[in-house]
Amino acid sequence: MRLRFDGWIAGLGTSHGTRLVLGHWARSPFGAFSDVMVERPDGERLLFAPTRETADFVSGTYVFDRVCVVPVDVSVDGDTWTVAAGPLLLRFTTGRRGLLGLLLRVVPGPLARRPAWSALTDLPARVLLPGVRTRGSAGGDRKEWYGARDLRPVRTVSATFEGGDLGVVAPVDPPVRFGFGSVPRAPALTRVTTTVRLGTEEPGPS
């Protein structure tokens, strides 16, 4: 069984050492939802997901030290994204597309959704965006493919966690360790289609 998720992934770092990955999914087997993965400066990996069903699926695909089921609210106003997820408050702004973003914009949606396209773009992605992979093995005997269709830089970040300021925007360094690959080192917002193939004995979502 293959499950498809269409939406956006924002990967960003902060000057105090926290790295964050937002998934904002307009279409998925679970309906529209958002989740946030956080890696703290000490290496602790946290997941914030809005329902037990989405938390179980994401934590069955990636690795976390703590999973929290909390409301995850995302609003978008032009180039400004605002996220509230339990103890995390995040706001970031995006800038103009570079050459790679412009090139990705012309990739047809049906092509980006094909795992064969993700396999073809895996090597170029590794060269152009060190740490990024577009296919690999995930948790629970799952396979995963990413097909990017847009890329915009993240220019500014303001964020707090449990009331503490996380600092300003910074590279995603060291890379995050949730799965088989990281997000781009330069903070970015990527439009993406993600396909997850479940293991042969893995039940589908209800």
Foldseek 3Di string as FASTA:
>chain_A
DKWKFFWKWWWFAFPLQKIKIKDFTCDTPVHTFIKMWIQHNVGAIEIFGADPLVQVVLCQFWPGPYYHHFHWDWDDDPQWIWIDTPQKTKIWGWDDFDPVQVVLQPDDPVLLQDQVNQVVCQVVCCVVFPQDGQWDATGQRKIKGKRWRGKIAIDWMWMDGNRHTRHITAFCPPFRGTTDTGDGRGTMMTGIMMMMDHDPPDDDDD
